[in-house]
Amino acid sequence: MAIHYYCRHCGAKLGSIEQSSIYSESLGLHTLTEHERQEMVTYDTSGDIHIKAICEDCQEALERNPDYHQYDYLIH
């Protein structure tokens, strides 16, 4: 099982954790609401977990341009 992090705005791969067993509390997933979890966390058929986060470039772009929050996808 692996956990893969991707930017929700540009699709860039942020990193992966290769581990056979890990608790959601250690990833911080327990702090998400049910809606946030459905939006941000997906599972594939091989048991890998895919988590949508935000990369530094998109975070900076959103801070400089708050109107970008209306868009689901950013290109930079």
PDB file of N, CA and C in Angstrom:
ATOM      1  N   MET A   1       0.840  -1.173   0.000  1.00  0.00           N
ATOM      2  CA  MET A   1       0.000   0.000   0.000  1.00  0.00           C
ATOM      3  C   MET A   1       0.889   1.241   0.000  1.00  0.00           C
ATOM      4  N   ALA A   2       0.508   2.204  -0.790  1.00  0.00           N
ATOM      5  CA  ALA A   2       1.234   3.469  -0.855  1.00  0.00           C
ATOM      6  C   ALA A   2       0.237   4.614  -0.712  1.00  0.00           C
ATOM      7  N   ILE A   3       0.732   5.725  -0.246  1.00  0.00           N
ATOM      8  CA  ILE A   3      -0.076   6.931  -0.133  1.00  0.00           C
ATOM      9  C   ILE A   3       0.565   7.958  -1.056  1.00  0.00           C
ATOM     10  N   HIS A   4      -0.214   8.465  -1.981  1.00  0.00           N
ATOM     11  CA  HIS A   4       0.274   9.409  -2.977  1.00  0.00           C
ATOM     12  C   HIS A   4      -0.408  10.755  -2.776  1.00  0.00           C
ATOM     13  N   TYR A   5       0.392  11.811  -2.751  1.00  0.00           N
ATOM     14  CA  TYR A   5      -0.114  13.172  -2.598  1.00  0.00           C
ATOM     15  C   TYR A   5       0.015  13.908  -3.920  1.00  0.00           C
ATOM     16  N   TYR A   6      -1.087  14.565  -4.321  1.00  0.00           N
ATOM     17  CA  TYR A   6      -1.132  15.357  -5.543  1.00  0.00           C
ATOM     18  C   TYR A   6      -1.730  16.714  -5.238  1.00  0.00           C
ATOM     19  N   CYS A   7      -1.341  17.724  -6.014  1.00  0.00           N
ATOM     20  CA  CYS A   7      -1.934  19.042  -5.866  1.00  0.00           C
ATOM     21  C   CYS A   7      -3.326  19.031  -6.492  1.00  0.00           C
ATOM     22  N   ARG A   8      -4.287  19.488  -5.753  1.00  0.00           N
ATOM     23  CA  ARG A   8      -5.662  19.506  -6.254  1.00  0.00           C
ATOM     24  C   ARG A   8      -5.885  20.548  -7.335  1.00  0.00           C
ATOM     25  N   HIS A   9      -4.977  21.523  -7.449  1.00  0.00           N
ATOM     26  CA  HIS A   9      -5.165  22.609  -8.402  1.00  0.00           C
ATOM     27  C   HIS A   9      -4.401  22.426  -9.704  1.00  0.00           C
ATOM     28  N   CYS A  10      -3.192  21.869  -9.640  1.00  0.00           N
ATOM     29  CA  CYS A  10      -2.406  21.737 -10.875  1.00  0.00           C
ATOM     30  C   CYS A  10      -2.088  20.279 -11.211  1.00  0.00           C
ATOM     31  N   GLY A  11      -2.351  19.361 -10.297  1.00  0.00           N
ATOM     32  CA  GLY A  11      -2.121  17.947 -10.566  1.00  0.00           C
ATOM     33  C   GLY A  11      -0.706  17.472 -10.321  1.00  0.00           C
ATOM     34  N   ALA A  12       0.189  18.344  -9.861  1.00  0.00           N
ATOM     35  CA  ALA A  12       1.580  17.950  -9.629  1.00  0.00           C
ATOM     36  C   ALA A  12       1.663  16.914  -8.511  1.00  0.00           C
ATOM     37  N   LYS A  13       2.530  15.922  -8.706  1.00  0.00           N
ATOM     38  CA  LYS A  13       2.742  14.930  -7.662  1.00  0.00           C
ATOM     39  C   LYS A  13       3.635  15.538  -6.592  1.00  0.00           C
ATOM     40  N   LEU A  14       3.161  15.525  -5.355  1.00  0.00           N
ATOM     41  CA  LEU A  14       3.893  16.132  -4.251  1.00  0.00           C
ATOM     42  C   LEU A  14       4.778  15.131  -3.533  1.00  0.00           C
ATOM     43  N   GLY A  15       4.423  13.863  -3.599  1.00  0.00           N
ATOM     44  CA  GLY A  15       5.231  12.842  -2.949  1.00  0.00           C
ATOM     45  C   GLY A  15       4.428  11.605  -2.655  1.00  0.00           C
ATOM     46  N   SER A  16       5.111  10.581  -2.178  1.00  0.00           N
ATOM     47  CA  SER A  16       4.477   9.310  -1.852  1.00  0.00           C
ATOM     48  C   SER A  16       5.084   8.750  -0.582  1.00  0.00           C
ATOM     49  N   ILE A  17       4.294   7.967   0.111  1.00  0.00           N
ATOM     50  CA  ILE A  17       4.748   7.237   1.286  1.00  0.00           C
ATOM     51  C   ILE A  17       4.510   5.767   1.000  1.00  0.00           C
ATOM     52  N   GLU A  18       5.575   4.992   0.998  1.00  0.00           N
ATOM     53  CA  GLU A  18       5.472   3.552   0.777  1.00  0.00           C
ATOM     54  C   GLU A  18       5.525   2.863   2.136  1.00  0.00           C
ATOM     55  N   GLN A  19       4.376   2.409   2.599  1.00  0.00           N
ATOM     56  CA  GLN A  19       4.327   1.764   3.897  1.00  0.00           C
ATOM     57  C   GLN A  19       3.216   0.725   3.883  1.00  0.00           C
ATOM     58  N   SER A  20       3.461  -0.402   4.517  1.00  0.00           N
ATOM     59  CA  SER A  20       2.479  -1.476   4.491  1.00  0.00           C
ATOM     60  C   SER A  20       1.289  -1.180   5.394  1.00  0.00           C
ATOM     61  N   SER A  21       1.487  -0.404   6.441  1.00  0.00           N
ATOM     62  CA  SER A  21       0.405  -0.091   7.366  1.00  0.00           C
ATOM     63  C   SER A  21       0.643   1.280   7.971  1.00  0.00           C
ATOM     64  N   ILE A  22      -0.410   2.087   7.994  1.00  0.00           N
ATOM     65  CA  ILE A  22      -0.297   3.421   8.582  1.00  0.00           C
ATOM     66  C   ILE A  22      -1.679   3.840   9.074  1.00  0.00           C
ATOM     67  N   TYR A  23      -1.718   4.548  10.167  1.00  0.00           N
ATOM     68  CA  TYR A  23      -2.981   5.000  10.745  1.00  0.00           C
ATOM     69  C   TYR A  23      -3.364   6.369  10.183  1.00  0.00           C
ATOM     70  N   SER A  24      -4.661   6.563   9.968  1.00  0.00           N
ATOM     71  CA  SER A  24      -5.131   7.835   9.425  1.00  0.00           C
ATOM     72  C   SER A  24      -4.814   8.993  10.367  1.00  0.00           C
ATOM     73  N   GLU A  25      -4.721   8.712  11.670  1.00  0.00           N
ATOM     74  CA  GLU A  25      -4.385   9.767  12.629  1.00  0.00           C
ATOM     75  C   GLU A  25      -2.979  10.313  12.382  1.00  0.00           C
ATOM     76  N   SER A  26      -2.059   9.450  11.983  1.00  0.00           N
ATOM     77  CA  SER A  26      -0.698   9.924  11.735  1.00  0.00           C
ATOM     78  C   SER A  26      -0.621  10.765  10.462  1.00  0.00           C
ATOM     79  N   LEU A  27      -1.581  10.628   9.573  1.00  0.00           N
ATOM     80  CA  LEU A  27      -1.643  11.440   8.355  1.00  0.00           C
ATOM     81  C   LEU A  27      -2.480  12.696   8.557  1.00  0.00           C
ATOM     82  N   GLY A  28      -3.211  12.759   9.664  1.00  0.00           N
ATOM     83  CA  GLY A  28      -4.085  13.899   9.924  1.00  0.00           C
ATOM     84  C   GLY A  28      -5.452  13.777   9.289  1.00  0.00           C
ATOM     85  N   LEU A  29      -5.762  12.622   8.711  1.00  0.00           N
ATOM     86  CA  LEU A  29      -7.046  12.455   8.029  1.00  0.00           C
ATOM     87  C   LEU A  29      -8.225  12.484   8.990  1.00  0.00           C
ATOM     88  N   HIS A  30      -7.993  12.173  10.256  1.00  0.00           N
ATOM     89  CA  HIS A  30      -9.074  12.167  11.237  1.00  0.00           C
ATOM     90  C   HIS A  30      -9.598  13.577  11.525  1.00  0.00           C
ATOM     91  N   THR A  31      -8.848  14.602  11.147  1.00  0.00           N
ATOM     92  CA  THR A  31      -9.290  15.980  11.387  1.00  0.00           C
ATOM     93  C   THR A  31     -10.204  16.497  10.281  1.00  0.00           C
ATOM     94  N   LEU A  32     -10.322  15.750   9.184  1.00  0.00           N
ATOM     95  CA  LEU A  32     -11.174  16.163   8.071  1.00  0.00           C
ATOM     96  C   LEU A  32     -12.630  15.852   8.363  1.00  0.00           C
ATOM     97  N   THR A  33     -13.513  16.701   7.867  1.00  0.00           N
ATOM     98  CA  THR A  33     -14.938  16.386   7.935  1.00  0.00           C
ATOM     99  C   THR A  33     -15.229  15.300   6.901  1.00  0.00           C
ATOM    100  N   GLU A  34     -16.403  14.723   6.973  1.00  0.00           N
ATOM    101  CA  GLU A  34     -16.772  13.679   6.008  1.00  0.00           C
ATOM    102  C   GLU A  34     -16.764  14.236   4.577  1.00  0.00           C
ATOM    103  N   HIS A  35     -17.257  15.447   4.418  1.00  0.00           N
ATOM    104  CA  HIS A  35     -17.271  16.077   3.092  1.00  0.00           C
ATOM    105  C   HIS A  35     -15.854  16.307   2.579  1.00  0.00           C
ATOM    106  N   GLU A  36     -14.977  16.817   3.436  1.00  0.00           N
ATOM    107  CA  GLU A  36     -13.580  17.048   3.043  1.00  0.00           C
ATOM    108  C   GLU A  36     -12.900  15.737   2.679  1.00  0.00           C
ATOM    109  N   ARG A  37     -13.170  14.702   3.447  1.00  0.00           N
ATOM    110  CA  ARG A  37     -12.561  13.400   3.178  1.00  0.00           C
ATOM    111  C   ARG A  37     -13.020  12.861   1.830  1.00  0.00           C
ATOM    112  N   GLN A  38     -14.312  12.980   1.525  1.00  0.00           N
ATOM    113  CA  GLN A  38     -14.822  12.515   0.232  1.00  0.00           C
ATOM    114  C   GLN A  38     -14.206  13.296  -0.913  1.00  0.00           C
ATOM    115  N   GLU A  39     -13.951  14.581  -0.681  1.00  0.00           N
ATOM    116  CA  GLU A  39     -13.393  15.449  -1.713  1.00  0.00           C
ATOM    117  C   GLU A  39     -11.896  15.233  -1.918  1.00  0.00           C
ATOM    118  N   MET A  40     -11.170  14.895  -0.857  1.00  0.00           N
ATOM    119  CA  MET A  40      -9.716  14.894  -0.898  1.00  0.00           C
ATOM    120  C   MET A  40      -9.065  13.516  -0.936  1.00  0.00           C
ATOM    121  N   VAL A  41      -9.756  12.472  -0.518  1.00  0.00           N
ATOM    122  CA  VAL A  41      -9.140  11.158  -0.368  1.00  0.00           C
ATOM    123  C   VAL A  41      -9.849  10.151  -1.266  1.00  0.00           C
ATOM    124  N   THR A  42      -9.054   9.458  -2.099  1.00  0.00           N
ATOM    125  CA  THR A  42      -9.603   8.386  -2.928  1.00  0.00           C
ATOM    126  C   THR A  42      -8.728   7.148  -2.780  1.00  0.00           C
ATOM    127  N   TYR A  43      -9.326   6.001  -3.065  1.00  0.00           N
ATOM    128  CA  TYR A  43      -8.638   4.716  -2.956  1.00  0.00           C
ATOM    129  C   TYR A  43      -8.707   4.029  -4.311  1.00  0.00           C
ATOM    130  N   ASP A  44      -7.614   3.412  -4.732  1.00  0.00           N
ATOM    131  CA  ASP A  44      -7.664   2.674  -5.998  1.00  0.00           C
ATOM    132  C   ASP A  44      -7.775   1.178  -5.713  1.00  0.00           C
ATOM    133  N   THR A  45      -7.906   0.405  -6.778  1.00  0.00           N
ATOM    134  CA  THR A  45      -8.155  -1.032  -6.637  1.00  0.00           C
ATOM    135  C   THR A  45      -6.977  -1.796  -6.040  1.00  0.00           C
ATOM    136  N   SER A  46      -5.780  -1.236  -6.110  1.00  0.00           N
ATOM    137  CA  SER A  46      -4.616  -1.909  -5.535  1.00  0.00           C
ATOM    138  C   SER A  46      -4.431  -1.586  -4.054  1.00  0.00           C
ATOM    139  N   GLY A  47      -5.334  -0.741  -3.499  1.00  0.00           N
ATOM    140  CA  GLY A  47      -5.250  -0.384  -2.093  1.00  0.00           C
ATOM    141  C   GLY A  47      -4.479   0.889  -1.813  1.00  0.00           C
ATOM    142  N   ASP A  48      -3.958   1.525  -2.857  1.00  0.00           N
ATOM    143  CA  ASP A  48      -3.238   2.782  -2.670  1.00  0.00           C
ATOM    144  C   ASP A  48      -4.220   3.903  -2.340  1.00  0.00           C
ATOM    145  N   ILE A  49      -3.746   4.861  -1.589  1.00  0.00           N
ATOM    146  CA  ILE A  49      -4.542   6.015  -1.206  1.00  0.00           C
ATOM    147  C   ILE A  49      -4.007   7.228  -1.958  1.00  0.00           C
ATOM    148  N   HIS A  50      -4.910   8.016  -2.520  1.00  0.00           N
ATOM    149  CA  HIS A  50      -4.546   9.235  -3.235  1.00  0.00           C
ATOM    150  C   HIS A  50      -5.157  10.411  -2.488  1.00  0.00           C
ATOM    151  N   ILE A  51      -4.298  11.350  -2.082  1.00  0.00           N
ATOM    152  CA  ILE A  51      -4.739  12.490  -1.301  1.00  0.00           C
ATOM    153  C   ILE A  51      -4.479  13.767  -2.083  1.00  0.00           C
ATOM    154  N   LYS A  52      -5.521  14.581  -2.203  1.00  0.00           N
ATOM    155  CA  LYS A  52      -5.397  15.872  -2.872  1.00  0.00           C
ATOM    156  C   LYS A  52      -5.030  16.914  -1.823  1.00  0.00           C
ATOM    157  N   ALA A  53      -3.926  17.600  -2.051  1.00  0.00           N
ATOM    158  CA  ALA A  53      -3.438  18.646  -1.156  1.00  0.00           C
ATOM    159  C   ALA A  53      -3.220  19.899  -2.006  1.00  0.00           C
ATOM    160  N   ILE A  54      -2.277  20.740  -1.637  1.00  0.00           N
ATOM    161  CA  ILE A  54      -1.966  21.921  -2.431  1.00  0.00           C
ATOM    162  C   ILE A  54      -0.450  22.114  -2.444  1.00  0.00           C
ATOM    163  N   CYS A  55       0.097  22.380  -3.623  1.00  0.00           N
ATOM    164  CA  CYS A  55       1.543  22.596  -3.728  1.00  0.00           C
ATOM    165  C   CYS A  55       1.879  24.041  -3.358  1.00  0.00           C
ATOM    166  N   GLU A  56       3.147  24.303  -3.121  1.00  0.00           N
ATOM    167  CA  GLU A  56       3.586  25.640  -2.725  1.00  0.00           C
ATOM    168  C   GLU A  56       3.297  26.682  -3.806  1.00  0.00           C
ATOM    169  N   ASP A  57       3.480  26.309  -5.064  1.00  0.00           N
ATOM    170  CA  ASP A  57       3.252  27.258  -6.155  1.00  0.00           C
ATOM    171  C   ASP A  57       1.788  27.691  -6.212  1.00  0.00           C
ATOM    172  N   CYS A  58       0.888  26.733  -6.097  1.00  0.00           N
ATOM    173  CA  CYS A  58      -0.542  27.068  -6.135  1.00  0.00           C
ATOM    174  C   CYS A  58      -0.945  27.848  -4.888  1.00  0.00           C
ATOM    175  N   GLN A  59      -0.399  27.498  -3.738  1.00  0.00           N
ATOM    176  CA  GLN A  59      -0.699  28.231  -2.512  1.00  0.00           C
ATOM    177  C   GLN A  59      -0.280  29.697  -2.648  1.00  0.00           C
ATOM    178  N   GLU A  60       0.912  29.917  -3.183  1.00  0.00           N
ATOM    179  CA  GLU A  60       1.377  31.292  -3.389  1.00  0.00           C
ATOM    180  C   GLU A  60       0.500  32.029  -4.398  1.00  0.00           C
ATOM    181  N   ALA A  61       0.107  31.346  -5.463  1.00  0.00           N
ATOM    182  CA  ALA A  61      -0.748  31.970  -6.479  1.00  0.00           C
ATOM    183  C   ALA A  61      -2.100  32.354  -5.874  1.00  0.00           C
ATOM    184  N   LEU A  62      -2.657  31.498  -5.025  1.00  0.00           N
ATOM    185  CA  LEU A  62      -3.936  31.798  -4.389  1.00  0.00           C
ATOM    186  C   LEU A  62      -3.804  32.943  -3.388  1.00  0.00           C
ATOM    187  N   GLU A  63      -2.687  33.028  -2.703  1.00  0.00           N
ATOM    188  CA  GLU A  63      -2.480  34.128  -1.755  1.00  0.00           C
ATOM    189  C   GLU A  63      -2.336  35.459  -2.483  1.00  0.00           C
ATOM    190  N   ARG A  64      -1.657  35.456  -3.631  1.00  0.00           N
ATOM    191  CA  ARG A  64      -1.474  36.684  -4.413  1.00  0.00           C
ATOM    192  C   ARG A  64      -2.741  37.081  -5.167  1.00  0.00           C
ATOM    193  N   ASN A  65      -3.533  36.085  -5.536  1.00  0.00           N
ATOM    194  CA  ASN A  65      -4.722  36.321  -6.361  1.00  0.00           C
ATOM    195  C   ASN A  65      -5.923  35.596  -5.753  1.00  0.00           C
ATOM    196  N   PRO A  66      -6.554  36.150  -4.744  1.00  0.00           N
ATOM    197  CA  PRO A  66      -7.662  35.472  -4.064  1.00  0.00           C
ATOM    198  C   PRO A  66      -8.820  35.096  -4.998  1.00  0.00           C
ATOM    199  N   ASP A  67      -8.979  35.806  -6.103  1.00  0.00           N
ATOM    200  CA  ASP A  67     -10.055  35.476  -7.037  1.00  0.00           C
ATOM    201  C   ASP A  67      -9.844  34.129  -7.716  1.00  0.00           C
ATOM    202  N   TYR A  68      -8.625  33.569  -7.647  1.00  0.00           N
ATOM    203  CA  TYR A  68      -8.359  32.245  -8.224  1.00  0.00           C
ATOM    204  C   TYR A  68      -9.090  31.134  -7.484  1.00  0.00           C
ATOM    205  N   HIS A  69      -9.583  31.399  -6.280  1.00  0.00           N
ATOM    206  CA  HIS A  69     -10.293  30.377  -5.507  1.00  0.00           C
ATOM    207  C   HIS A  69     -11.533  29.872  -6.242  1.00  0.00           C
ATOM    208  N   GLN A  70     -12.024  30.633  -7.183  1.00  0.00           N
ATOM    209  CA  GLN A  70     -13.213  30.215  -7.921  1.00  0.00           C
ATOM    210  C   GLN A  70     -12.893  29.114  -8.956  1.00  0.00           C
ATOM    211  N   TYR A  71     -11.610  28.895  -9.228  1.00  0.00           N
ATOM    212  CA  TYR A  71     -11.214  27.901 -10.228  1.00  0.00           C
ATOM    213  C   TYR A  71     -10.772  26.597  -9.554  1.00  0.00           C
ATOM    214  N   ASP A  72     -11.140  25.485 -10.159  1.00  0.00           N
ATOM    215  CA  ASP A  72     -10.726  24.177  -9.632  1.00  0.00           C
ATOM    216  C   ASP A  72      -9.300  23.833 -10.045  1.00  0.00           C
ATOM    217  N   TYR A  73      -8.856  24.338 -11.184  1.00  0.00           N
ATOM    218  CA  TYR A  73      -7.562  23.942 -11.736  1.00  0.00           C
ATOM    219  C   TYR A  73      -6.755  25.191 -12.076  1.00  0.00           C
ATOM    220  N   LEU A  74      -5.492  25.208 -11.660  1.00  0.00           N
ATOM    221  CA  LEU A  74      -4.597  26.332 -11.954  1.00  0.00           C
ATOM    222  C   LEU A  74      -3.447  25.848 -12.814  1.00  0.00           C
ATOM    223  N   ILE A  75      -3.044  26.668 -13.744  1.00  0.00           N
ATOM    224  CA  ILE A  75      -1.887  26.365 -14.577  1.00  0.00           C
ATOM    225  C   ILE A  75      -0.791  27.352 -14.217  1.00  0.00           C
ATOM    226  N   HIS A  76       0.401  26.830 -13.915  1.00  0.00           N
ATOM    227  CA  HIS A  76       1.530  27.730 -13.614  1.00  0.00           C
ATOM    228  C   HIS A  76       2.786  27.192 -14.200  1.00  0.00           C
TER     229      HIS A  76
END
